Amino acid sequence: MCGVQELKEGNDVVVKVLFVTIFIVIADQISKFMIKGIDIPFLGISFQGMPLGNSIPVFGDFLRITFIENPGMAFGIEVVDGKIFLTMFSIAASIGILFYLYLMRSEKLLFRLSLALILGGAIGNLIDRVFYGVIYGESSLFHGKVVDFIDADFFNIDFLGFQLSRFWVFNIADASVSIGVLLMLFFHRSFVDQKELPAIESKSSTEVNTSI
């Protein structure tokens, strides 16, 4: 009975943090439909969207809405002859993250939140790759292009021959994955410390009992 209760509590924890994933996916897809446009007659939904390649300034030249389509990975990184592989890898990665999130259901909230953000971003872009080609009549299943539109001039990079005068155009899903990864990197020490603390306490307790 106790095991059933623990399983139920673990499932509840996973479901709660998955609300963040669901929110990311919905926000990502709505923003992409607004940029690319969508027409669903039987639902009475019709939105024109932006012409491909057009750009609208939001805060001058620092932040613009620029509609581009990316056939490859995040931030405009292209994959040569690897469309199906990339899509299948994204599906496998999303399933793996979901399973790992369940395994880590007892970890700190920030750790689970970082996984939920990464999962939401992965699913958001996966929907583009799997379905957008069919939805928009541009290609077959699994051959869709990812919609990118956030165009920001964060900083210039000139390092070891690599030059970047303006940041890659990205989307909400890309940002979600990046934030999730940064959370893991910044709070990695606290995650490790949390795991080491019970082991240290157990060792100390054993030493005390032995000395007694």
Protein backbone atom coordinates (compact mmCIF):
# COMPACT_ATOMS: atom_id res chain seq x y z
CA MET A 1 0.00 0.00 0.00
CA CYS A 2 2.86 2.32 0.87
CA GLY A 3 4.50 1.64 -2.50
CA VAL A 4 1.29 2.53 -4.35
CA GLN A 5 1.02 5.80 -2.41
CA GLU A 6 4.65 6.70 -3.18
CA LEU A 7 4.09 5.95 -6.88
CA LYS A 8 1.00 8.18 -6.92
CA GLU A 9 2.88 11.02 -5.21
CA GLY A 10 5.75 10.63 -7.68
CA ASN A 11 3.36 10.79 -10.62
CA ASP A 12 1.71 13.91 -9.16
CA VAL A 13 5.12 15.62 -8.92
CA VAL A 14 5.93 14.79 -12.55
CA VAL A 15 2.53 15.97 -13.76
CA LYS A 16 2.87 19.30 -11.95
CA VAL A 17 6.24 20.13 -13.48
CA LEU A 18 4.97 18.99 -16.89
CA PHE A 19 2.54 21.93 -16.82
CA VAL A 20 5.62 24.06 -17.55
CA THR A 21 6.40 21.84 -20.55
CA ILE A 22 2.81 22.10 -21.83
CA PHE A 23 2.84 25.89 -21.42
CA ILE A 24 6.10 26.16 -23.39
CA VAL A 25 4.75 23.99 -26.23
CA ILE A 26 1.48 25.96 -26.47
CA ALA A 27 3.20 29.36 -26.35
CA ASP A 28 5.77 28.22 -28.91
CA GLN A 29 3.18 26.90 -31.36
CA ILE A 30 0.82 29.89 -31.05
CA SER A 31 3.70 32.30 -31.70
CA LYS A 32 4.78 30.29 -34.76
CA PHE A 33 1.24 30.18 -36.17
CA MET A 34 1.01 33.95 -35.75
CA ILE A 35 4.29 34.41 -37.64
CA LYS A 36 3.80 31.84 -40.41
CA GLY A 37 0.03 32.13 -40.58
CA ILE A 38 -2.56 29.38 -40.32
CA ASP A 39 -5.82 28.56 -42.07
CA ILE A 40 -8.22 26.01 -40.52
CA PRO A 41 -11.61 26.57 -42.22
CA PHE A 42 -13.64 24.04 -40.21
CA LEU A 43 -12.56 25.78 -36.98
CA GLY A 44 -13.05 29.24 -38.43
CA ILE A 45 -9.38 30.06 -37.85
CA SER A 46 -7.57 32.11 -40.46
CA PHE A 47 -4.47 34.21 -39.85
CA GLN A 48 -2.34 35.69 -42.60
CA GLY A 49 1.04 35.77 -40.88
CA MET A 50 4.22 37.38 -42.25
CA PRO A 51 5.90 36.95 -45.63
CA LEU A 52 9.00 34.79 -45.38
CA GLY A 53 12.11 36.92 -44.88
CA ASN A 54 10.26 40.02 -43.67
CA SER A 55 11.41 41.83 -40.55
CA ILE A 56 9.54 44.13 -38.14
CA PRO A 57 11.48 46.30 -35.67
CA VAL A 58 10.34 46.03 -32.03
CA PHE A 59 13.09 47.94 -30.21
CA GLY A 60 14.93 49.54 -33.08
CA ASP A 61 17.70 47.36 -34.48
CA PHE A 62 18.29 45.61 -31.14
CA LEU A 63 15.15 43.45 -31.28
CA ARG A 64 13.24 42.55 -34.42
CA ILE A 65 10.64 40.01 -35.48
CA THR A 66 12.20 38.33 -38.51
CA PHE A 67 10.49 35.37 -40.14
CA ILE A 68 12.86 32.68 -41.36
CA GLU A 69 12.56 28.91 -41.67
CA ASN A 70 15.26 26.59 -40.47
CA PRO A 71 15.57 23.11 -42.02
CA GLY A 72 18.20 22.07 -39.49
CA MET A 73 18.86 22.36 -35.78
CA ALA A 74 18.40 25.17 -33.28
CA PHE A 75 19.68 28.70 -34.00
CA GLY A 76 19.91 28.14 -37.76
CA ILE A 77 22.44 25.31 -37.61
CA GLU A 78 21.85 23.22 -40.71
CA VAL A 79 22.22 19.48 -41.03
CA VAL A 80 23.30 18.16 -44.44
CA ASP A 81 21.30 15.10 -45.62
CA GLY A 82 20.19 14.40 -42.07
CA LYS A 83 16.55 15.53 -41.90
CA ILE A 84 14.99 12.19 -40.98
CA PHE A 85 17.86 11.36 -38.61
CA LEU A 86 17.48 14.72 -36.85
CA THR A 87 13.71 14.26 -36.49
CA MET A 88 14.02 10.71 -35.18
CA PHE A 89 16.78 11.78 -32.81
CA SER A 90 14.53 14.58 -31.49
CA ILE A 91 11.71 12.09 -30.90
CA ALA A 92 14.03 9.70 -29.06
CA ALA A 93 15.54 12.57 -27.04
CA SER A 94 12.09 13.86 -26.02
CA ILE A 95 11.01 10.39 -24.86
CA GLY A 96 14.31 9.98 -23.02
CA ILE A 97 13.96 13.33 -21.23
CA LEU A 98 10.38 12.51 -20.22
CA PHE A 99 11.48 9.17 -18.77
CA TYR A 100 14.45 10.78 -17.03
CA LEU A 101 12.14 13.43 -15.59
CA TYR A 102 10.09 10.65 -14.02
CA LEU A 103 13.20 8.99 -12.59
CA MET A 104 14.33 12.33 -11.13
CA ARG A 105 10.90 13.13 -9.62
CA SER A 106 12.39 13.35 -6.12
CA GLU A 107 15.13 15.82 -7.10
CA LYS A 108 15.10 19.56 -6.39
CA LEU A 109 12.47 21.68 -8.13
CA LEU A 110 15.07 23.64 -10.12
CA PHE A 111 16.50 20.43 -11.55
CA ARG A 112 13.07 19.14 -12.57
CA LEU A 113 12.18 22.57 -13.92
CA SER A 114 15.29 22.62 -16.11
CA LEU A 115 14.31 19.22 -17.55
CA ALA A 116 10.74 20.42 -18.14
CA LEU A 117 12.03 23.50 -20.02
CA ILE A 118 14.34 21.39 -22.19
CA LEU A 119 11.52 18.93 -22.90
CA GLY A 120 9.09 21.73 -23.82
CA GLY A 121 11.59 23.25 -26.24
CA ALA A 122 12.41 19.90 -27.81
CA ILE A 123 8.72 19.07 -28.38
CA GLY A 124 7.99 22.56 -29.72
CA ASN A 125 10.55 22.29 -32.52
CA LEU A 126 9.75 18.61 -33.05
CA ILE A 127 6.16 19.51 -33.96
CA ASP A 128 7.50 21.81 -36.70
CA ARG A 129 9.77 19.13 -38.15
CA VAL A 130 7.16 16.37 -38.07
CA PHE A 131 3.94 18.14 -39.06
CA TYR A 132 4.58 21.57 -40.63
CA GLY A 133 5.50 20.16 -44.03
CA VAL A 134 2.08 18.45 -44.23
CA ILE A 135 0.07 21.22 -42.53
CA TYR A 136 1.34 23.86 -44.95
CA GLY A 137 1.53 21.57 -47.97
CA GLU A 138 5.24 22.16 -48.42
CA SER A 139 6.70 18.68 -47.95
CA SER A 140 6.01 15.24 -46.53
CA LEU A 141 5.73 14.08 -42.93
CA PHE A 142 8.97 14.49 -40.91
CA HIS A 143 10.33 17.01 -43.43
CA GLY A 144 8.94 20.25 -42.03
CA LYS A 145 11.00 23.36 -41.33
CA VAL A 146 11.29 25.05 -37.94
CA VAL A 147 9.86 28.58 -37.72
CA ASP A 148 12.29 31.12 -36.20
CA PHE A 149 11.45 34.76 -35.60
CA ILE A 150 13.19 36.30 -32.55
CA ASP A 151 15.98 38.42 -34.01
CA ALA A 152 18.14 40.04 -31.30
CA ASP A 153 21.49 41.81 -31.46
CA PHE A 154 22.87 40.60 -28.12
CA PHE A 155 26.60 40.81 -28.78
CA ASN A 156 29.29 40.41 -31.41
CA ILE A 157 31.62 37.41 -31.39
CA ASP A 158 35.11 37.35 -32.87
CA PHE A 159 37.00 34.36 -31.49
CA LEU A 160 39.63 32.17 -33.18
CA GLY A 161 38.41 33.06 -36.63
CA PHE A 162 34.72 32.64 -35.78
CA GLN A 163 32.77 35.84 -36.31
CA LEU A 164 29.17 36.59 -35.45
CA SER A 165 27.90 40.13 -35.90
CA ARG A 166 24.31 39.33 -34.92
CA PHE A 167 22.83 36.47 -32.91
CA TRP A 168 21.06 33.65 -34.73
CA VAL A 169 17.32 34.08 -35.18
CA PHE A 170 15.54 31.75 -32.76
CA ASN A 171 12.13 30.93 -31.27
CA ILE A 172 10.50 30.26 -27.91
CA ALA A 173 11.41 26.56 -28.04
CA ASP A 174 15.10 27.38 -28.61
CA ALA A 175 15.03 29.87 -25.72
CA SER A 176 13.37 27.28 -23.45
CA VAL A 177 16.05 24.68 -24.16
CA SER A 178 18.83 27.24 -23.60
CA ILE A 179 17.36 28.41 -20.28
CA GLY A 180 16.95 24.80 -19.14
CA VAL A 181 20.57 23.99 -19.95
CA LEU A 182 21.81 27.18 -18.24
CA LEU A 183 19.81 26.30 -15.11
CA MET A 184 21.53 22.93 -15.02
CA LEU A 185 24.97 24.51 -15.46
CA PHE A 186 24.47 27.29 -12.89
CA PHE A 187 22.92 25.08 -10.22
CA HIS A 188 24.91 21.92 -10.94
CA ARG A 189 26.83 22.24 -7.68
CA SER A 190 23.65 22.40 -5.60
CA PHE A 191 22.30 19.31 -7.39
CA VAL A 192 25.51 17.41 -6.63
CA ASP A 193 25.65 18.63 -3.03
CA GLN A 194 22.11 17.43 -2.45
CA LYS A 195 23.10 13.90 -3.50
CA GLU A 196 26.33 13.90 -1.50
CA LEU A 197 24.75 15.16 1.75
CA PRO A 198 22.78 11.98 2.61
CA ALA A 199 25.89 9.86 1.93
CA ILE A 200 28.00 12.06 4.24
CA GLU A 201 25.35 11.98 6.95
CA SER A 202 25.09 8.19 6.67
CA LYS A 203 28.87 7.83 6.95
CA SER A 204 29.00 10.12 9.98
CA SER A 205 26.22 8.16 11.65
CA THR A 206 28.08 4.90 11.05
CA GLU A 207 31.28 6.31 12.53
CA VAL A 208 29.44 7.50 15.62
CA ASN A 209 27.81 4.11 16.16
CA THR A 210 31.16 2.39 15.71
CA SER A 211 32.89 4.63 18.23
CA ILE A 212 30.10 3.98 20.72
